[in-house]
Amino acid sequence: MCDPNPLDKFLRYAINPQQLRAGIELWVAAFPSAHNFLPSPHKAGQIVPTIGNAIASNLGQSAEYIHVQSAKTDEEIYQTLLASAAIPLAFKSRQIDDKHYVDGWLGDNVPLKALANRGCTHAIVIHLGNGELWNRHEFPNQTIIEIRPTEDMGGLNKLLDFSPERIQLLQNRGYQDAKRILEPILQTLMIKRSRQESFARLQETSKRLRDDSPIY
């Protein structure tokens, strides 16, 4: 099991809870840890609960969606974000209120369902790996632009690489992939808008001509 302290320290350095509370609504998908269901003697261990998580996921246990800004304390904000990064078999689970959670990818790696339940109709989903399992057809009432990387971002050997260089690389690749997909869409929308504006001006000009008094 990996030492969680570096990730914990980095998160506390990078995240300002006050700014986060005032920012855009943020949700994370977290998976209930087997800690919640095991007798107390087992809760000191980590291997058994994380294997239990995988079994529970395969049996249909769903991820839970946690609204970060609803956290009662700053510490709960940190624990919620750390829970969403607690990769089973690599990091310990995190406690939020009286329940333990691990990374939500076991049940849902894209928490769009939480936003869809709140009325979100349009979403852009940017994946950092081509092998991520996610079915856009589970959201028939949402318009979704799904973006997957053009390059292999590394396999399991890169999964636990949280170095600043790796994070910057993922950010840059995600930006470039999003730009590749979104720029043509934006250009098309701008052309459509320009045509609509031109048509509206033409209609207005035609109306003025029709309404002009006749010249004798």
Protein backbone atom coordinates (compact mmCIF):
# COMPACT_ATOMS: atom_id res chain seq x y z
CA MET A 1 0.00 0.00 0.00
CA CYS A 2 1.26 3.47 -0.93
CA ASP A 3 2.08 6.19 1.55
CA PRO A 4 -0.87 8.67 1.37
CA ASN A 5 1.03 11.54 3.02
CA PRO A 6 2.53 13.09 -0.17
CA LEU A 7 -0.88 13.23 -1.87
CA ASP A 8 -2.47 14.55 1.33
CA LYS A 9 0.14 17.32 1.65
CA PHE A 10 -0.12 18.23 -2.04
CA LEU A 11 -3.92 18.52 -1.85
CA ARG A 12 -3.80 20.72 1.23
CA TYR A 13 -1.23 22.93 -0.51
CA ALA A 14 -3.13 23.16 -3.81
CA ILE A 15 -6.75 23.45 -2.62
CA ASN A 16 -8.19 26.49 -0.87
CA PRO A 17 -11.52 25.39 0.69
CA GLN A 18 -12.93 28.92 0.78
CA GLN A 19 -12.26 29.47 -2.92
CA LEU A 20 -13.63 26.03 -3.73
CA ARG A 21 -16.87 26.74 -1.86
CA ALA A 22 -17.32 29.93 -3.89
CA GLY A 23 -16.52 28.23 -7.19
CA ILE A 24 -18.38 26.12 -9.72
CA GLU A 25 -20.48 23.28 -8.32
CA LEU A 26 -18.27 20.21 -7.84
CA TRP A 27 -19.30 16.57 -7.45
CA VAL A 28 -17.17 13.46 -6.98
CA ALA A 29 -18.03 9.80 -7.38
CA ALA A 30 -16.93 7.73 -4.39
CA PHE A 31 -17.40 4.02 -3.80
CA PRO A 32 -18.50 2.76 -0.36
CA SER A 33 -15.61 0.88 1.20
CA ALA A 34 -16.05 -2.63 2.54
CA HIS A 35 -15.00 -1.11 5.87
CA ASN A 36 -18.65 -0.13 6.24
CA PHE A 37 -19.80 -3.75 6.19
CA LEU A 38 -17.02 -5.65 7.95
CA PRO A 39 -16.90 -6.48 11.68
CA SER A 40 -14.63 -4.17 13.66
CA PRO A 41 -11.64 -6.60 13.96
CA HIS A 42 -11.22 -6.44 10.18
CA LYS A 43 -11.26 -2.67 9.95
CA ALA A 44 -7.62 -2.31 10.84
CA GLY A 45 -6.63 -4.03 7.60
CA GLN A 46 -6.78 -2.64 4.08
CA ILE A 47 -6.37 -5.56 1.68
CA VAL A 48 -9.58 -7.37 2.61
CA PRO A 49 -11.79 -4.23 2.31
CA THR A 50 -10.41 -3.25 -1.08
CA ILE A 51 -10.86 -6.75 -2.49
CA GLY A 52 -14.37 -6.59 -1.04
CA ASN A 53 -14.92 -3.35 -2.94
CA ALA A 54 -14.14 -5.04 -6.24
CA ILE A 55 -16.52 -7.89 -5.44
CA ALA A 56 -19.28 -5.50 -4.41
CA SER A 57 -18.79 -3.46 -7.59
CA ASN A 58 -19.15 -6.54 -9.76
CA LEU A 59 -22.31 -7.47 -7.87
CA GLY A 60 -23.90 -4.17 -8.83
CA GLN A 61 -23.08 -1.87 -5.92
CA SER A 62 -23.33 1.70 -7.20
CA ALA A 63 -21.03 4.62 -6.58
CA GLU A 64 -22.30 7.48 -4.43
CA TYR A 65 -22.20 11.09 -5.59
CA ILE A 66 -20.94 13.60 -3.06
CA HIS A 67 -21.40 17.35 -3.43
CA VAL A 68 -18.09 18.80 -2.30
CA GLN A 69 -19.44 22.25 -1.40
CA SER A 70 -21.91 20.63 1.01
CA ALA A 71 -19.06 19.51 3.27
CA LYS A 72 -19.58 20.77 6.82
CA THR A 73 -15.89 21.52 7.47
CA ASP A 74 -12.71 22.23 5.50
CA GLU A 75 -11.34 18.90 6.67
CA GLU A 76 -14.36 17.12 5.21
CA ILE A 77 -13.64 18.81 1.87
CA TYR A 78 -10.11 17.39 1.91
CA GLN A 79 -11.30 13.92 2.92
CA THR A 80 -13.94 13.95 0.16
CA LEU A 81 -11.37 14.82 -2.50
CA LEU A 82 -8.91 12.28 -1.09
CA ALA A 83 -11.62 9.61 -1.12
CA SER A 84 -12.18 10.23 -4.83
CA ALA A 85 -8.42 9.56 -5.35
CA ALA A 86 -8.16 6.58 -2.99
CA ILE A 87 -7.33 3.88 -5.57
CA PRO A 88 -8.20 0.48 -4.07
CA LEU A 89 -5.23 -1.71 -3.11
CA ALA A 90 -3.02 1.39 -3.35
CA PHE A 91 -4.46 3.91 -0.86
CA LYS A 92 -6.47 3.61 2.33
CA SER A 93 -10.14 4.50 2.34
CA ARG A 94 -11.27 7.89 3.64
CA GLN A 95 -13.97 8.59 6.19
CA ILE A 96 -16.75 11.08 5.42
CA ASP A 97 -19.20 11.45 8.29
CA ASP A 98 -19.58 7.87 9.53
CA LYS A 99 -18.82 6.05 6.25
CA HIS A 100 -15.62 5.04 4.48
CA TYR A 101 -15.08 5.59 0.73
CA VAL A 102 -12.56 4.84 -2.00
CA ASP A 103 -12.13 6.02 -5.58
CA GLY A 104 -15.45 5.95 -7.40
CA TRP A 105 -14.07 4.38 -10.60
CA LEU A 106 -15.17 1.02 -9.22
CA GLY A 107 -18.78 2.07 -9.76
CA ASP A 108 -18.66 5.21 -11.92
CA ASN A 109 -15.60 7.15 -13.03
CA VAL A 110 -17.63 10.02 -14.52
CA PRO A 111 -20.11 11.52 -12.02
CA LEU A 112 -22.40 12.88 -14.72
CA LYS A 113 -25.41 11.17 -13.17
CA ALA A 114 -25.24 13.60 -10.23
CA LEU A 115 -25.40 16.56 -12.61
CA ALA A 116 -28.09 14.96 -14.79
CA ASN A 117 -30.23 14.50 -11.68
CA ARG A 118 -29.94 18.25 -11.08
CA GLY A 119 -31.08 19.14 -14.60
CA CYS A 120 -27.80 19.34 -16.52
CA THR A 121 -28.61 18.89 -20.22
CA HIS A 122 -25.19 19.44 -21.86
CA ALA A 123 -21.83 18.03 -20.80
CA ILE A 124 -18.27 17.70 -22.06
CA VAL A 125 -16.55 14.54 -20.82
CA ILE A 126 -12.76 14.48 -21.22
CA HIS A 127 -11.15 11.09 -20.64
CA LEU A 128 -7.47 10.72 -19.83
CA GLY A 129 -7.35 7.10 -20.97
CA ASN A 130 -8.75 5.23 -23.97
CA GLY A 131 -9.56 2.19 -21.87
CA GLU A 132 -11.96 3.94 -19.51
CA LEU A 133 -15.31 2.16 -19.45
CA TRP A 134 -18.18 4.62 -19.67
CA ASN A 135 -21.40 4.39 -21.64
CA ARG A 136 -22.76 7.71 -22.90
CA HIS A 137 -25.98 5.96 -23.96
CA GLU A 138 -26.97 5.75 -20.30
CA PHE A 139 -27.80 9.46 -20.62
CA PRO A 140 -30.33 9.67 -23.47
CA ASN A 141 -31.65 13.07 -22.33
CA GLN A 142 -28.24 14.77 -22.24
CA THR A 143 -26.22 16.19 -25.14
CA ILE A 144 -22.70 14.89 -24.54
CA ILE A 145 -19.41 15.65 -26.24
CA GLU A 146 -17.04 12.83 -25.33
CA ILE A 147 -13.31 13.37 -25.79
CA ARG A 148 -10.75 10.58 -25.63
CA PRO A 149 -6.96 10.98 -25.91
CA THR A 150 -5.17 10.57 -29.21
CA GLU A 151 -2.07 9.25 -27.44
CA ASP A 152 -1.57 6.51 -24.89
CA MET A 153 -1.16 8.23 -21.53
CA GLY A 154 0.49 5.22 -19.92
CA GLY A 155 -0.89 2.03 -18.39
CA LEU A 156 -1.05 0.82 -14.82
CA ASN A 157 2.58 1.78 -14.30
CA LYS A 158 1.54 5.44 -14.54
CA LEU A 159 -1.60 5.14 -12.44
CA LEU A 160 0.16 6.13 -9.23
CA ASP A 161 2.37 8.81 -10.72
CA PHE A 162 1.26 12.04 -9.03
CA SER A 163 4.39 14.01 -9.83
CA PRO A 164 3.99 17.67 -10.90
CA GLU A 165 5.43 16.72 -14.31
CA ARG A 166 2.85 13.98 -14.80
CA ILE A 167 -0.02 16.23 -13.69
CA GLN A 168 1.13 18.99 -16.07
CA LEU A 169 1.40 16.46 -18.90
CA LEU A 170 -2.16 15.23 -18.31
CA GLN A 171 -3.46 18.80 -18.18
CA ASN A 172 -1.71 19.72 -21.44
CA ARG A 173 -2.85 16.54 -23.23
CA GLY A 174 -6.42 17.02 -21.99
CA TYR A 175 -6.38 20.62 -23.21
CA GLN A 176 -5.02 19.66 -26.64
CA ASP A 177 -7.52 16.82 -27.07
CA ALA A 178 -10.39 19.10 -26.04
CA LYS A 179 -9.17 21.80 -28.42
CA ARG A 180 -8.98 19.29 -31.28
CA ILE A 181 -12.62 18.29 -30.83
CA LEU A 182 -14.19 21.55 -29.69
CA GLU A 183 -12.60 24.04 -32.11
CA PRO A 184 -14.44 22.69 -35.22
CA ILE A 185 -17.70 22.66 -33.22
CA LEU A 186 -17.18 26.25 -32.10
CA GLN A 187 -16.32 27.34 -35.65
CA THR A 188 -19.50 25.70 -36.94
CA LEU A 189 -21.58 27.41 -34.26
CA MET A 190 -19.98 30.78 -35.07
CA ILE A 191 -20.76 30.34 -38.77
CA LYS A 192 -24.35 29.38 -37.94
CA ARG A 193 -24.70 32.39 -35.64
CA SER A 194 -23.26 34.70 -38.31
CA ARG A 195 -25.77 33.37 -40.83
CA GLN A 196 -28.63 33.85 -38.36
CA GLU A 197 -27.53 37.43 -37.69
CA SER A 198 -27.25 38.10 -41.43
CA PHE A 199 -30.73 36.67 -42.01
CA ALA A 200 -32.14 38.78 -39.15
CA ARG A 201 -30.60 41.94 -40.68
CA LEU A 202 -32.02 41.00 -44.07
CA GLN A 203 -35.47 40.54 -42.57
CA GLU A 204 -35.23 43.89 -40.76
CA THR A 205 -34.12 45.67 -43.95
CA SER A 206 -36.93 44.05 -45.95
CA LYS A 207 -39.46 45.12 -43.32
CA ARG A 208 -38.25 48.73 -43.45
CA LEU A 209 -38.52 48.71 -47.23
CA ARG A 210 -42.06 47.34 -47.06
CA ASP A 211 -43.07 49.90 -44.44
CA ASP A 212 -41.58 52.90 -46.28
CA SER A 213 -44.10 55.36 -47.64
CA PRO A 214 -44.42 55.19 -51.43
CA ILE A 215 -42.70 57.90 -53.46
CA TYR A 216 -44.98 59.78 -55.91
